[in-house]
Amino acid sequence: MSHLTATFTIDLTPAEVLPGAADRFDLAKTWTGALEGTSRGIMLTAGDPASGSASYIATETFEGALDGREGSVTFQQLGTMAGGEPELRYVIAPGSGTGALAGLTGTLLIGAIEEDGRHQVTVELT
């Protein structure tokens, strides 16, 4: 298993709500570090974050380079919060890679979120 580190910044833009979602956002990320490039996707939310109970799903397509290998790959996220306790699953969608990223599998782990909005990420390739 390989461990790589990267950071991203994110822009969330409110979008038309879809049935079954409390809110919808279009997202755009800029990645630096072991992941160099951009990703675009969609996020759907449900629940009441202010009360400590909510969830979101997101899918995004990354285009750029991972540790120098160029191509694209899709990331999928499932985040939940129950009783104020967060849980996040962030994976590389199997079969989604193109170019030198074809066949890539693994997970992404969100670490610290800096005051400027940069998210620290560890990529674990399997």
Protein backbone atom coordinates (compact mmCIF):
# COMPACT_ATOMS: atom_id res chain seq x y z
CA MET A 1 0.00 0.00 0.00
CA SER A 2 1.32 3.44 -0.95
CA HIS A 3 0.64 6.58 1.13
CA LEU A 4 0.81 10.00 -0.60
CA THR A 5 -0.09 13.45 0.71
CA ALA A 6 -1.91 16.30 -1.00
CA THR A 7 -4.03 19.33 -0.24
CA PHE A 8 -7.10 20.83 -1.86
CA THR A 9 -9.12 23.98 -1.72
CA ILE A 10 -12.82 23.82 -2.55
CA ASP A 11 -15.41 26.17 -4.01
CA LEU A 12 -19.03 25.17 -3.33
CA THR A 13 -21.77 26.81 -5.39
CA PRO A 14 -25.42 26.30 -4.43
CA ALA A 15 -27.39 24.66 -7.25
CA GLU A 16 -30.95 23.56 -7.97
CA VAL A 17 -32.15 21.15 -5.28
CA LEU A 18 -32.91 17.61 -6.46
CA PRO A 19 -35.69 15.39 -5.05
CA GLY A 20 -34.55 13.65 -1.86
CA ALA A 21 -31.89 16.23 -0.98
CA ALA A 22 -32.01 19.13 1.46
CA ASP A 23 -29.43 21.06 -0.58
CA ARG A 24 -27.32 20.59 -3.69
CA PHE A 25 -23.92 22.10 -4.45
CA ASP A 26 -21.63 22.09 -7.46
CA LEU A 27 -18.04 21.74 -6.33
CA ALA A 28 -14.67 22.62 -7.80
CA LYS A 29 -11.37 21.69 -6.15
CA THR A 30 -7.77 22.64 -6.84
CA TRP A 31 -5.30 19.93 -5.78
CA THR A 32 -1.59 20.31 -4.94
CA GLY A 33 1.06 17.91 -3.67
CA ALA A 34 0.99 14.28 -4.80
CA LEU A 35 -2.28 15.12 -6.58
CA GLU A 36 -1.80 18.03 -9.01
CA GLY A 37 -4.87 19.15 -10.92
CA THR A 38 -8.53 19.99 -10.58
CA SER A 39 -11.77 18.18 -9.89
CA ARG A 40 -15.41 19.03 -10.45
CA GLY A 41 -18.49 17.36 -9.08
CA ILE A 42 -21.77 17.51 -7.22
CA MET A 43 -22.74 17.24 -3.54
CA LEU A 44 -26.17 16.44 -2.13
CA THR A 45 -26.97 16.99 1.55
CA ALA A 46 -29.69 15.91 3.98
CA GLY A 47 -30.45 16.43 7.64
CA ASP A 48 -29.77 19.27 10.05
CA PRO A 49 -26.05 19.94 10.65
CA ALA A 50 -26.83 22.53 13.36
CA SER A 51 -28.42 19.77 15.45
CA GLY A 52 -25.49 17.38 14.90
CA SER A 53 -27.35 15.00 12.56
CA ALA A 54 -26.79 15.23 8.82
CA SER A 55 -25.23 13.55 5.80
CA TYR A 56 -23.89 14.21 2.33
CA ILE A 57 -22.89 12.31 -0.76
CA ALA A 58 -20.55 13.65 -3.41
CA THR A 59 -18.97 12.48 -6.62
CA GLU A 60 -16.20 14.33 -8.45
CA THR A 61 -13.91 13.71 -11.39
CA PHE A 62 -10.24 14.58 -10.91
CA GLU A 63 -8.10 15.47 -13.93
CA GLY A 64 -4.36 15.86 -13.58
CA ALA A 65 -1.49 13.83 -12.16
CA LEU A 66 -1.14 11.53 -9.18
CA ASP A 67 2.50 11.16 -8.17
CA GLY A 68 3.48 12.15 -11.74
CA ARG A 69 1.06 9.76 -13.52
CA GLU A 70 -1.44 11.68 -15.67
CA GLY A 71 -5.09 10.87 -16.33
CA SER A 72 -8.46 11.18 -14.66
CA VAL A 73 -10.23 9.31 -11.89
CA THR A 74 -13.51 9.66 -9.99
CA PHE A 75 -13.71 10.14 -6.22
CA GLN A 76 -16.85 9.31 -4.24
CA GLN A 77 -17.69 10.45 -0.71
CA LEU A 78 -20.24 9.54 1.92
CA GLY A 79 -20.21 11.70 5.02
CA THR A 80 -22.52 11.27 8.00
CA MET A 81 -22.87 12.92 11.39
CA ALA A 82 -24.98 11.41 14.17
CA GLY A 83 -25.05 12.97 17.61
CA GLY A 84 -22.32 15.35 16.47
CA GLU A 85 -19.90 12.49 15.64
CA PRO A 86 -18.69 12.65 12.01
CA GLU A 87 -17.83 9.66 9.83
CA LEU A 88 -16.44 9.91 6.29
CA ARG A 89 -15.80 7.37 3.54
CA TYR A 90 -13.84 8.83 0.58
CA VAL A 91 -12.83 6.36 -2.15
CA ILE A 92 -11.44 6.14 -5.65
CA ALA A 93 -14.31 4.70 -7.72
CA PRO A 94 -13.16 1.33 -9.09
CA GLY A 95 -12.88 1.27 -12.89
CA SER A 96 -13.02 5.06 -13.21
CA GLY A 97 -9.37 5.75 -14.07
CA THR A 98 -8.11 6.82 -17.49
CA GLY A 99 -4.62 7.23 -18.93
CA ALA A 100 -1.87 6.38 -16.46
CA LEU A 101 -4.49 6.31 -13.67
CA ALA A 102 -6.40 3.38 -15.20
CA GLY A 103 -6.90 0.58 -12.66
CA LEU A 104 -6.22 2.87 -9.68
CA THR A 105 -7.95 1.93 -6.40
CA GLY A 106 -7.71 3.27 -2.88
CA THR A 107 -9.05 5.70 -0.30
CA LEU A 108 -8.56 9.33 0.65
CA LEU A 109 -8.38 10.41 4.28
CA ILE A 110 -9.14 14.02 5.23
CA GLY A 111 -6.85 15.37 7.93
CA ALA A 112 -6.56 18.91 9.18
CA ILE A 113 -8.52 21.75 7.58
CA GLU A 114 -6.40 24.90 7.68
CA GLU A 115 -7.79 28.36 8.51
CA ASP A 116 -7.41 29.33 4.82
CA GLY A 117 -9.68 26.41 3.81
CA ARG A 118 -6.95 24.04 2.59
CA HIS A 119 -7.78 20.42 3.38
CA GLN A 120 -4.91 18.05 4.18
CA VAL A 121 -5.37 14.65 2.49
CA THR A 122 -3.62 11.29 2.66
CA VAL A 123 -4.12 9.08 -0.40
CA GLU A 124 -3.80 5.35 0.31
CA LEU A 125 -3.40 3.34 -2.89
CA THR A 126 -4.23 -0.37 -2.78
